[in-house]
């Protein structure tokens, strides 16, 4: 596993590697022919969107794969010491984005959590705490704008199908989430009234968030974590990763969630709002 540990000079995502800048090249001719050979002789992987590609690389492909994910990986590698897969190339085949990235032969943290010692579990959380701190220290291009790393919209299938946003400020984002809609549901508003009152007018920093953080997107190898699957990352209010962790694994891995809360800044009011809004507000 080659995970870069040396922090490099900070830069904006727009100055990332040339192959990450749009327009992305479409494979033609010999390159396309070689790709088709790999595809037709590929090793079977758990998900069809992953294509094994040599020993140290794999290709992530499909209609839900965006350039923004590759930009986010590169941006993190250049501006933090967060262990992430290295991006080697990005291209399209018939308009579908393909990201060639480093294959890391680790175990998914959620699959081995109960096999880890208490010290190992705490070590993984300390590492994750440091990663989150580094993400929160990155400077957003716009103080209040909610957007993808490259200015595009955001992804989260729990909120809406496909891309949504971007939003000029947090107020517009909260309206999209359904904060105001909850006030118009008299039978449900009392369930969230206190949390909405507490958070009303609260000023949030805009930070870079993974967007789908949890043991399902953290690899464990030789006592080190590696954070993968950055397709939902972007610039969000500071509570975003906390609420997304709960939405992803708060129910299914409560013991992991309870330990996670001991290591990070907590946003429990925002979680309560998210629970109620997710249950009773449908976004069109």
C-alpha atoms as a PDB file:
ATOM      1  CA  UNK A   1       0.000   0.000   0.000  1.00  0.00           C
ATOM      2  CA  UNK A   2       1.550   3.282  -1.055  1.00  0.00           C
ATOM      3  CA  UNK A   3      -0.074   5.986   1.008  1.00  0.00           C
ATOM      4  CA  UNK A   4       1.579   9.343   0.840  1.00  0.00           C
ATOM      5  CA  UNK A   5       2.424  10.768   4.264  1.00  0.00           C
ATOM      6  CA  UNK A   6       4.274  13.963   3.350  1.00  0.00           C
ATOM      7  CA  UNK A   7       2.143  17.067   3.380  1.00  0.00           C
ATOM      8  CA  UNK A   8       2.615  19.126   0.242  1.00  0.00           C
ATOM      9  CA  UNK A   9       2.010  22.787  -0.531  1.00  0.00           C
ATOM     10  CA  UNK A  10      -1.640  23.734  -0.261  1.00  0.00           C
ATOM     11  CA  UNK A  11      -3.438  24.662  -3.455  1.00  0.00           C
ATOM     12  CA  UNK A  12      -6.904  25.181  -4.832  1.00  0.00           C
ATOM     13  CA  UNK A  13      -8.607  22.249  -6.527  1.00  0.00           C
ATOM     14  CA  UNK A  14      -8.523  24.132  -9.824  1.00  0.00           C
ATOM     15  CA  UNK A  15      -4.746  23.676  -9.977  1.00  0.00           C
ATOM     16  CA  UNK A  16      -4.899  19.882  -9.750  1.00  0.00           C
ATOM     17  CA  UNK A  17      -3.271  17.577 -12.276  1.00  0.00           C
ATOM     18  CA  UNK A  18      -3.977  18.381 -15.920  1.00  0.00           C
ATOM     19  CA  UNK A  19      -5.912  15.175 -16.575  1.00  0.00           C
ATOM     20  CA  UNK A  20      -8.406  16.217 -13.896  1.00  0.00           C
ATOM     21  CA  UNK A  21      -9.344  19.431 -15.687  1.00  0.00           C
ATOM     22  CA  UNK A  22     -12.399  19.370 -17.965  1.00  0.00           C
ATOM     23  CA  UNK A  23     -13.016  18.462 -20.657  1.00  0.00           C
ATOM     24  CA  UNK A  24     -12.010  14.895 -19.787  1.00  0.00           C
ATOM     25  CA  UNK A  25     -10.561  13.005 -22.690  1.00  0.00           C
ATOM     26  CA  UNK A  26     -12.707  10.361 -24.393  1.00  0.00           C
ATOM     27  CA  UNK A  27     -10.904   7.137 -25.243  1.00  0.00           C
ATOM     28  CA  UNK A  28     -10.483   6.505 -28.963  1.00  0.00           C
ATOM     29  CA  UNK A  29      -8.422   4.283 -31.216  1.00  0.00           C
ATOM     30  CA  UNK A  30      -5.676   2.223 -29.599  1.00  0.00           C
ATOM     31  CA  UNK A  31      -6.490   3.392 -26.057  1.00  0.00           C
ATOM     32  CA  UNK A  32     -10.103   2.308 -26.463  1.00  0.00           C
ATOM     33  CA  UNK A  33      -9.031  -1.036 -27.931  1.00  0.00           C
ATOM     34  CA  UNK A  34      -6.707  -1.728 -24.981  1.00  0.00           C
ATOM     35  CA  UNK A  35      -9.434  -0.723 -22.528  1.00  0.00           C
ATOM     36  CA  UNK A  36     -11.936  -3.082 -24.151  1.00  0.00           C
ATOM     37  CA  UNK A  37      -9.449  -5.950 -23.820  1.00  0.00           C
ATOM     38  CA  UNK A  38      -9.131  -5.233 -20.089  1.00  0.00           C
ATOM     39  CA  UNK A  39     -12.892  -5.008 -19.745  1.00  0.00           C
ATOM     40  CA  UNK A  40     -13.580  -8.258 -21.590  1.00  0.00           C
ATOM     41  CA  UNK A  41     -10.920 -10.158 -19.608  1.00  0.00           C
ATOM     42  CA  UNK A  42     -11.537  -8.450 -16.258  1.00  0.00           C
ATOM     43  CA  UNK A  43     -11.498 -10.235 -12.959  1.00  0.00           C
ATOM     44  CA  UNK A  44     -14.875 -10.410 -11.286  1.00  0.00           C
ATOM     45  CA  UNK A  45     -15.315  -7.768  -8.584  1.00  0.00           C
ATOM     46  CA  UNK A  46     -18.016  -7.341  -5.968  1.00  0.00           C
ATOM     47  CA  UNK A  47     -19.585  -4.387  -7.751  1.00  0.00           C
ATOM     48  CA  UNK A  48     -19.884  -3.957 -11.508  1.00  0.00           C
ATOM     49  CA  UNK A  49     -18.670  -0.373 -11.330  1.00  0.00           C
ATOM     50  CA  UNK A  50     -15.209  -1.599 -10.270  1.00  0.00           C
ATOM     51  CA  UNK A  51     -12.842  -3.037 -12.869  1.00  0.00           C
ATOM     52  CA  UNK A  52      -9.632  -4.739 -11.769  1.00  0.00           C
ATOM     53  CA  UNK A  53      -6.765  -3.123 -13.646  1.00  0.00           C
ATOM     54  CA  UNK A  54      -3.286  -4.562 -13.138  1.00  0.00           C
ATOM     55  CA  UNK A  55      -2.128  -5.454  -9.619  1.00  0.00           C
ATOM     56  CA  UNK A  56      -1.981  -2.025  -8.018  1.00  0.00           C
ATOM     57  CA  UNK A  57      -4.828  -0.230  -9.788  1.00  0.00           C
ATOM     58  CA  UNK A  58      -8.531  -0.506 -10.409  1.00  0.00           C
ATOM     59  CA  UNK A  59     -11.061   1.490 -12.398  1.00  0.00           C
ATOM     60  CA  UNK A  60     -14.182   2.987 -10.876  1.00  0.00           C
ATOM     61  CA  UNK A  61     -16.785   3.527 -13.572  1.00  0.00           C
ATOM     62  CA  UNK A  62     -20.492   4.038 -14.065  1.00  0.00           C
ATOM     63  CA  UNK A  63     -23.240   6.655 -14.474  1.00  0.00           C
ATOM     64  CA  UNK A  64     -22.848   7.816 -10.852  1.00  0.00           C
ATOM     65  CA  UNK A  65     -19.069   8.327 -11.101  1.00  0.00           C
ATOM     66  CA  UNK A  66     -18.051  11.977 -11.575  1.00  0.00           C
ATOM     67  CA  UNK A  67     -14.893  13.937 -12.222  1.00  0.00           C
ATOM     68  CA  UNK A  68     -15.501  15.630  -8.859  1.00  0.00           C
ATOM     69  CA  UNK A  69     -14.523  12.452  -6.999  1.00  0.00           C
ATOM     70  CA  UNK A  70     -11.130  12.315  -8.707  1.00  0.00           C
ATOM     71  CA  UNK A  71     -10.590  16.020  -8.032  1.00  0.00           C
ATOM     72  CA  UNK A  72     -11.463  15.484  -4.359  1.00  0.00           C
ATOM     73  CA  UNK A  73      -8.983  12.602  -4.032  1.00  0.00           C
ATOM     74  CA  UNK A  74      -6.238  14.636  -5.665  1.00  0.00           C
ATOM     75  CA  UNK A  75      -7.078  17.740  -3.633  1.00  0.00           C
ATOM     76  CA  UNK A  76      -6.855  15.788  -0.379  1.00  0.00           C
ATOM     77  CA  UNK A  77      -3.604  14.107  -1.350  1.00  0.00           C
ATOM     78  CA  UNK A  78      -2.028  17.475  -2.176  1.00  0.00           C
ATOM     79  CA  UNK A  79      -3.325  19.443   0.795  1.00  0.00           C
ATOM     80  CA  UNK A  80      -3.483  16.979   3.690  1.00  0.00           C
ATOM     81  CA  UNK A  81      -1.841  13.840   5.013  1.00  0.00           C
ATOM     82  CA  UNK A  82      -5.166  11.975   4.987  1.00  0.00           C
ATOM     83  CA  UNK A  83      -4.554   8.485   3.565  1.00  0.00           C
ATOM     84  CA  UNK A  84      -6.556   8.249   0.330  1.00  0.00           C
ATOM     85  CA  UNK A  85      -6.139   6.209  -2.869  1.00  0.00           C
ATOM     86  CA  UNK A  86      -3.906   7.837  -5.455  1.00  0.00           C
ATOM     87  CA  UNK A  87      -5.505   8.893  -8.761  1.00  0.00           C
ATOM     88  CA  UNK A  88      -3.581   7.822 -11.869  1.00  0.00           C
ATOM     89  CA  UNK A  89      -5.917   8.820 -14.686  1.00  0.00           C
ATOM     90  CA  UNK A  90      -9.437   9.934 -15.569  1.00  0.00           C
ATOM     91  CA  UNK A  91     -11.166   9.393 -18.895  1.00  0.00           C
ATOM     92  CA  UNK A  92     -14.565   8.676 -20.421  1.00  0.00           C
ATOM     93  CA  UNK A  93     -15.809   5.782 -22.535  1.00  0.00           C
ATOM     94  CA  UNK A  94     -19.000   6.633 -24.418  1.00  0.00           C
ATOM     95  CA  UNK A  95     -19.473   9.528 -22.028  1.00  0.00           C
ATOM     96  CA  UNK A  96     -19.135   7.439 -18.847  1.00  0.00           C
ATOM     97  CA  UNK A  97     -16.467   8.686 -16.401  1.00  0.00           C
ATOM     98  CA  UNK A  98     -13.714   6.211 -15.458  1.00  0.00           C
ATOM     99  CA  UNK A  99     -11.300   6.885 -12.572  1.00  0.00           C
ATOM    100  CA  UNK A 100      -8.077   4.857 -12.509  1.00  0.00           C
ATOM    101  CA  UNK A 101      -6.969   4.766  -8.898  1.00  0.00           C
ATOM    102  CA  UNK A 102      -4.722   2.941  -6.505  1.00  0.00           C
ATOM    103  CA  UNK A 103      -5.884  -0.459  -5.298  1.00  0.00           C
ATOM    104  CA  UNK A 104      -5.355  -0.794  -1.552  1.00  0.00           C
ATOM    105  CA  UNK A 105      -5.536  -4.346  -0.278  1.00  0.00           C
ATOM    106  CA  UNK A 106      -7.099  -3.595   3.091  1.00  0.00           C
ATOM    107  CA  UNK A 107     -10.114  -4.849   5.015  1.00  0.00           C
ATOM    108  CA  UNK A 108     -13.288  -2.823   5.317  1.00  0.00           C
ATOM    109  CA  UNK A 109     -13.410  -1.548   8.882  1.00  0.00           C
ATOM    110  CA  UNK A 110     -17.042  -2.499   9.400  1.00  0.00           C
ATOM    111  CA  UNK A 111     -16.257  -6.121   8.470  1.00  0.00           C
ATOM    112  CA  UNK A 112     -13.534  -6.532  11.095  1.00  0.00           C
ATOM    113  CA  UNK A 113     -14.567  -4.076  13.815  1.00  0.00           C
ATOM    114  CA  UNK A 114     -15.474  -6.781  16.326  1.00  0.00           C
ATOM    115  CA  UNK A 115     -12.180  -8.550  15.685  1.00  0.00           C
ATOM    116  CA  UNK A 116     -10.086  -5.502  16.605  1.00  0.00           C
ATOM    117  CA  UNK A 117      -8.760  -5.031  20.100  1.00  0.00           C
ATOM    118  CA  UNK A 118      -9.922  -2.060  22.158  1.00  0.00           C
ATOM    119  CA  UNK A 119      -6.553  -0.394  21.527  1.00  0.00           C
ATOM    120  CA  UNK A 120      -6.910  -0.916  17.777  1.00  0.00           C
ATOM    121  CA  UNK A 121     -10.445   0.467  17.784  1.00  0.00           C
ATOM    122  CA  UNK A 122      -9.287   3.553  19.660  1.00  0.00           C
ATOM    123  CA  UNK A 123      -6.314   3.923  17.323  1.00  0.00           C
ATOM    124  CA  UNK A 124      -8.609   3.905  14.297  1.00  0.00           C
ATOM    125  CA  UNK A 125     -10.749   6.612  15.913  1.00  0.00           C
ATOM    126  CA  UNK A 126      -7.731   8.756  16.754  1.00  0.00           C
ATOM    127  CA  UNK A 127      -6.617   8.524  13.139  1.00  0.00           C
ATOM    128  CA  UNK A 128     -10.122   9.373  11.924  1.00  0.00           C
ATOM    129  CA  UNK A 129     -10.291  12.323  14.318  1.00  0.00           C
ATOM    130  CA  UNK A 130      -7.077  13.691  12.801  1.00  0.00           C
ATOM    131  CA  UNK A 131      -8.434  13.215   9.268  1.00  0.00           C
ATOM    132  CA  UNK A 132     -11.616  15.112  10.099  1.00  0.00           C
ATOM    133  CA  UNK A 133      -9.594  17.917  11.708  1.00  0.00           C
ATOM    134  CA  UNK A 134      -7.523  18.248   8.539  1.00  0.00           C
ATOM    135  CA  UNK A 135     -10.650  18.384   6.373  1.00  0.00           C
ATOM    136  CA  UNK A 136     -12.135  21.093   8.575  1.00  0.00           C
ATOM    137  CA  UNK A 137      -8.933  23.151   8.332  1.00  0.00           C
ATOM    138  CA  UNK A 138      -9.147  23.445   4.535  1.00  0.00           C
ATOM    139  CA  UNK A 139     -10.257  26.860   3.307  1.00  0.00           C
ATOM    140  CA  UNK A 140     -13.451  26.937   1.198  1.00  0.00           C
ATOM    141  CA  UNK A 141     -13.436  28.909  -2.060  1.00  0.00           C
ATOM    142  CA  UNK A 142     -16.694  30.598  -0.958  1.00  0.00           C
ATOM    143  CA  UNK A 143     -17.488  31.042   2.763  1.00  0.00           C
ATOM    144  CA  UNK A 144     -21.157  29.953   2.613  1.00  0.00           C
ATOM    145  CA  UNK A 145     -21.605  28.149  -0.685  1.00  0.00           C
ATOM    146  CA  UNK A 146     -22.580  24.449  -0.541  1.00  0.00           C
ATOM    147  CA  UNK A 147     -21.109  22.650  -3.539  1.00  0.00           C
ATOM    148  CA  UNK A 148     -18.889  19.909  -4.874  1.00  0.00           C
ATOM    149  CA  UNK A 149     -15.114  20.321  -4.834  1.00  0.00           C
ATOM    150  CA  UNK A 150     -15.135  21.617  -8.406  1.00  0.00           C
ATOM    151  CA  UNK A 151     -18.172  23.885  -8.050  1.00  0.00           C
ATOM    152  CA  UNK A 152     -20.604  21.242  -9.275  1.00  0.00           C
ATOM    153  CA  UNK A 153     -23.665  19.992  -7.441  1.00  0.00           C
ATOM    154  CA  UNK A 154     -23.648  17.397  -4.682  1.00  0.00           C
ATOM    155  CA  UNK A 155     -24.578  13.731  -4.385  1.00  0.00           C
ATOM    156  CA  UNK A 156     -26.451  11.875  -1.648  1.00  0.00           C
ATOM    157  CA  UNK A 157     -29.074   9.346  -2.696  1.00  0.00           C
ATOM    158  CA  UNK A 158     -30.662   9.577   0.755  1.00  0.00           C
ATOM    159  CA  UNK A 159     -31.690  13.127  -0.111  1.00  0.00           C
ATOM    160  CA  UNK A 160     -32.425  12.982  -3.837  1.00  0.00           C
ATOM    161  CA  UNK A 161     -31.761  10.932  -6.942  1.00  0.00           C
ATOM    162  CA  UNK A 162     -28.836  12.273  -8.935  1.00  0.00           C
ATOM    163  CA  UNK A 163     -27.051  15.572  -8.495  1.00  0.00           C
ATOM    164  CA  UNK A 164     -28.558  18.404  -6.454  1.00  0.00           C
ATOM    165  CA  UNK A 165     -27.436  21.941  -5.708  1.00  0.00           C
ATOM    166  CA  UNK A 166     -25.153  23.823  -5.536  1.00  0.00           C
ATOM    167  CA  UNK A 167     -26.533  26.406  -3.108  1.00  0.00           C
ATOM    168  CA  UNK A 168     -25.386  29.983  -2.628  1.00  0.00           C
ATOM    169  CA  UNK A 169     -25.654  29.863   1.163  1.00  0.00           C
ATOM    170  CA  UNK A 170     -26.539  27.656   4.113  1.00  0.00           C
ATOM    171  CA  UNK A 171     -30.079  29.044   4.310  1.00  0.00           C
ATOM    172  CA  UNK A 172     -30.862  27.832   0.789  1.00  0.00           C
ATOM    173  CA  UNK A 173     -29.313  24.466   1.618  1.00  0.00           C
ATOM    174  CA  UNK A 174     -31.416  24.122   4.767  1.00  0.00           C
ATOM    175  CA  UNK A 175     -34.545  24.991   2.809  1.00  0.00           C
ATOM    176  CA  UNK A 176     -33.694  22.183   0.384  1.00  0.00           C
ATOM    177  CA  UNK A 177     -33.178  19.790   3.303  1.00  0.00           C
ATOM    178  CA  UNK A 178     -36.696  20.581   4.533  1.00  0.00           C
ATOM    179  CA  UNK A 179     -36.167  22.673   7.642  1.00  0.00           C
ATOM    180  CA  UNK A 180     -38.986  25.076   6.763  1.00  0.00           C
ATOM    181  CA  UNK A 181     -41.217  22.258   5.539  1.00  0.00           C
ATOM    182  CA  UNK A 182     -41.121  20.699   9.014  1.00  0.00           C
ATOM    183  CA  UNK A 183     -42.554  23.906  10.478  1.00  0.00           C
ATOM    184  CA  UNK A 184     -45.614  23.434   8.268  1.00  0.00           C
ATOM    185  CA  UNK A 185     -46.360  19.923   9.562  1.00  0.00           C
ATOM    186  CA  UNK A 186     -48.340  20.589  12.773  1.00  0.00           C
ATOM    187  CA  UNK A 187     -48.441  16.923  13.734  1.00  0.00           C
ATOM    188  CA  UNK A 188     -44.666  16.534  13.355  1.00  0.00           C
ATOM    189  CA  UNK A 189     -43.237  19.948  14.185  1.00  0.00           C
ATOM    190  CA  UNK A 190     -43.334  19.375  17.981  1.00  0.00           C
ATOM    191  CA  UNK A 191     -40.923  16.453  17.502  1.00  0.00           C
ATOM    192  CA  UNK A 192     -38.245  18.743  16.133  1.00  0.00           C
ATOM    193  CA  UNK A 193     -39.275  22.141  17.506  1.00  0.00           C
ATOM    194  CA  UNK A 194     -36.664  22.244  20.264  1.00  0.00           C
ATOM    195  CA  UNK A 195     -33.791  21.253  17.953  1.00  0.00           C
ATOM    196  CA  UNK A 196     -34.883  23.778  15.318  1.00  0.00           C
ATOM    197  CA  UNK A 197     -35.131  26.512  17.959  1.00  0.00           C
ATOM    198  CA  UNK A 198     -31.668  25.734  19.321  1.00  0.00           C
ATOM    199  CA  UNK A 199     -30.046  25.740  15.887  1.00  0.00           C
ATOM    200  CA  UNK A 200     -31.989  28.699  14.466  1.00  0.00           C
ATOM    201  CA  UNK A 201     -29.554  31.476  13.663  1.00  0.00           C
ATOM    202  CA  UNK A 202     -26.552  29.316  14.477  1.00  0.00           C
ATOM    203  CA  UNK A 203     -23.612  30.292  12.277  1.00  0.00           C
ATOM    204  CA  UNK A 204     -21.756  27.367  10.738  1.00  0.00           C
ATOM    205  CA  UNK A 205     -18.349  27.283   9.153  1.00  0.00           C
ATOM    206  CA  UNK A 206     -18.176  25.839   5.660  1.00  0.00           C
ATOM    207  CA  UNK A 207     -15.784  22.898   5.689  1.00  0.00           C
ATOM    208  CA  UNK A 208     -14.752  20.131   3.352  1.00  0.00           C
ATOM    209  CA  UNK A 209     -16.726  16.987   4.174  1.00  0.00           C
ATOM    210  CA  UNK A 210     -16.450  13.406   2.958  1.00  0.00           C
ATOM    211  CA  UNK A 211     -20.225  13.114   2.846  1.00  0.00           C
ATOM    212  CA  UNK A 212     -20.465   9.361   3.477  1.00  0.00           C
ATOM    213  CA  UNK A 213     -18.019   8.784   6.277  1.00  0.00           C
ATOM    214  CA  UNK A 214     -18.163   5.605   8.310  1.00  0.00           C
ATOM    215  CA  UNK A 215     -16.648   2.143   8.750  1.00  0.00           C
ATOM    216  CA  UNK A 216     -18.153   1.131   5.393  1.00  0.00           C
ATOM    217  CA  UNK A 217     -15.802   3.572   3.652  1.00  0.00           C
ATOM    218  CA  UNK A 218     -12.677   3.089   5.765  1.00  0.00           C
ATOM    219  CA  UNK A 219     -10.078   0.443   5.008  1.00  0.00           C
ATOM    220  CA  UNK A 220      -7.834  -1.029   7.713  1.00  0.00           C
ATOM    221  CA  UNK A 221      -4.376  -2.315   6.868  1.00  0.00           C
ATOM    222  CA  UNK A 222      -1.392  -2.839   9.143  1.00  0.00           C
ATOM    223  CA  UNK A 223      -2.889  -0.662  11.855  1.00  0.00           C
ATOM    224  CA  UNK A 224      -3.628   2.264   9.525  1.00  0.00           C
ATOM    225  CA  UNK A 225      -6.874   3.585   8.078  1.00  0.00           C
ATOM    226  CA  UNK A 226      -7.459   4.661   4.477  1.00  0.00           C
ATOM    227  CA  UNK A 227     -10.587   6.631   3.574  1.00  0.00           C
ATOM    228  CA  UNK A 228     -12.204   5.699   0.258  1.00  0.00           C
ATOM    229  CA  UNK A 229     -15.277   6.566  -1.847  1.00  0.00           C
ATOM    230  CA  UNK A 230     -15.270  10.363  -1.979  1.00  0.00           C
ATOM    231  CA  UNK A 231     -18.099  10.741  -4.525  1.00  0.00           C
ATOM    232  CA  UNK A 232     -20.330  12.558  -1.996  1.00  0.00           C
ATOM    233  CA  UNK A 233     -17.656  14.943  -0.768  1.00  0.00           C
ATOM    234  CA  UNK A 234     -17.821  18.706  -1.062  1.00  0.00           C
ATOM    235  CA  UNK A 235     -18.106  21.965   0.835  1.00  0.00           C
ATOM    236  CA  UNK A 236     -20.835  21.778   3.489  1.00  0.00           C
ATOM    237  CA  UNK A 237     -21.819  23.255   6.860  1.00  0.00           C
ATOM    238  CA  UNK A 238     -19.507  21.959   9.583  1.00  0.00           C
ATOM    239  CA  UNK A 239     -22.037  19.494  11.023  1.00  0.00           C
ATOM    240  CA  UNK A 240     -22.468  17.575   7.758  1.00  0.00           C
ATOM    241  CA  UNK A 241     -20.109  14.649   8.262  1.00  0.00           C
ATOM    242  CA  UNK A 242     -21.452  14.101  11.788  1.00  0.00           C
ATOM    243  CA  UNK A 243     -25.053  13.800  10.590  1.00  0.00           C
ATOM    244  CA  UNK A 244     -24.039  11.657   7.602  1.00  0.00           C
ATOM    245  CA  UNK A 245     -22.154   9.238   9.857  1.00  0.00           C
ATOM    246  CA  UNK A 246     -25.287   8.775  11.936  1.00  0.00           C
ATOM    247  CA  UNK A 247     -27.480   8.334   8.857  1.00  0.00           C
ATOM    248  CA  UNK A 248     -25.122   5.699   7.473  1.00  0.00           C
ATOM    249  CA  UNK A 249     -24.247   3.640  10.554  1.00  0.00           C
ATOM    250  CA  UNK A 250     -25.910   5.130  13.633  1.00  0.00           C
ATOM    251  CA  UNK A 251     -28.520   2.371  13.621  1.00  0.00           C
ATOM    252  CA  UNK A 252     -26.630  -0.538  12.116  1.00  0.00           C
ATOM    253  CA  UNK A 253     -23.397  -0.097  14.126  1.00  0.00           C
ATOM    254  CA  UNK A 254     -24.426   1.716  17.328  1.00  0.00           C
ATOM    255  CA  UNK A 255     -21.266   0.663  19.194  1.00  0.00           C
ATOM    256  CA  UNK A 256     -19.105   2.278  16.495  1.00  0.00           C
ATOM    257  CA  UNK A 257     -21.271   5.399  16.538  1.00  0.00           C
ATOM    258  CA  UNK A 258     -21.064   5.737  20.326  1.00  0.00           C
ATOM    259  CA  UNK A 259     -17.267   5.528  20.228  1.00  0.00           C
ATOM    260  CA  UNK A 260     -17.099   7.951  17.291  1.00  0.00           C
ATOM    261  CA  UNK A 261     -18.988  10.556  19.332  1.00  0.00           C
ATOM    262  CA  UNK A 262     -16.273  10.475  21.993  1.00  0.00           C
ATOM    263  CA  UNK A 263     -13.618  11.618  19.518  1.00  0.00           C
ATOM    264  CA  UNK A 264     -15.275  14.402  17.498  1.00  0.00           C
ATOM    265  CA  UNK A 265     -17.234  17.616  17.886  1.00  0.00           C
ATOM    266  CA  UNK A 266     -20.878  16.690  18.351  1.00  0.00           C
ATOM    267  CA  UNK A 267     -23.920  18.068  16.543  1.00  0.00           C
ATOM    268  CA  UNK A 268     -26.737  16.133  18.194  1.00  0.00           C
ATOM    269  CA  UNK A 269     -29.423  18.771  17.537  1.00  0.00           C
ATOM    270  CA  UNK A 270     -28.613  18.619  13.843  1.00  0.00           C
ATOM    271  CA  UNK A 271     -28.852  14.821  13.942  1.00  0.00           C
ATOM    272  CA  UNK A 272     -32.310  15.039  15.524  1.00  0.00           C
ATOM    273  CA  UNK A 273     -33.438  17.448  12.813  1.00  0.00           C
ATOM    274  CA  UNK A 274     -32.018  15.176  10.131  1.00  0.00           C
ATOM    275  CA  UNK A 275     -33.868  12.149  11.541  1.00  0.00           C
ATOM    276  CA  UNK A 276     -37.244  13.880  11.550  1.00  0.00           C
ATOM    277  CA  UNK A 277     -36.784  15.603   8.199  1.00  0.00           C
ATOM    278  CA  UNK A 278     -35.663  12.364   6.545  1.00  0.00           C
ATOM    279  CA  UNK A 279     -38.733  10.557   7.868  1.00  0.00           C
ATOM    280  CA  UNK A 280     -41.369  13.074   6.883  1.00  0.00           C
ATOM    281  CA  UNK A 281     -40.131  15.323   4.076  1.00  0.00           C
ATOM    282  CA  UNK A 282     -40.003  14.175   0.469  1.00  0.00           C
ATOM    283  CA  UNK A 283     -37.886  16.200  -1.952  1.00  0.00           C
ATOM    284  CA  UNK A 284     -39.102  16.457  -5.536  1.00  0.00           C
END
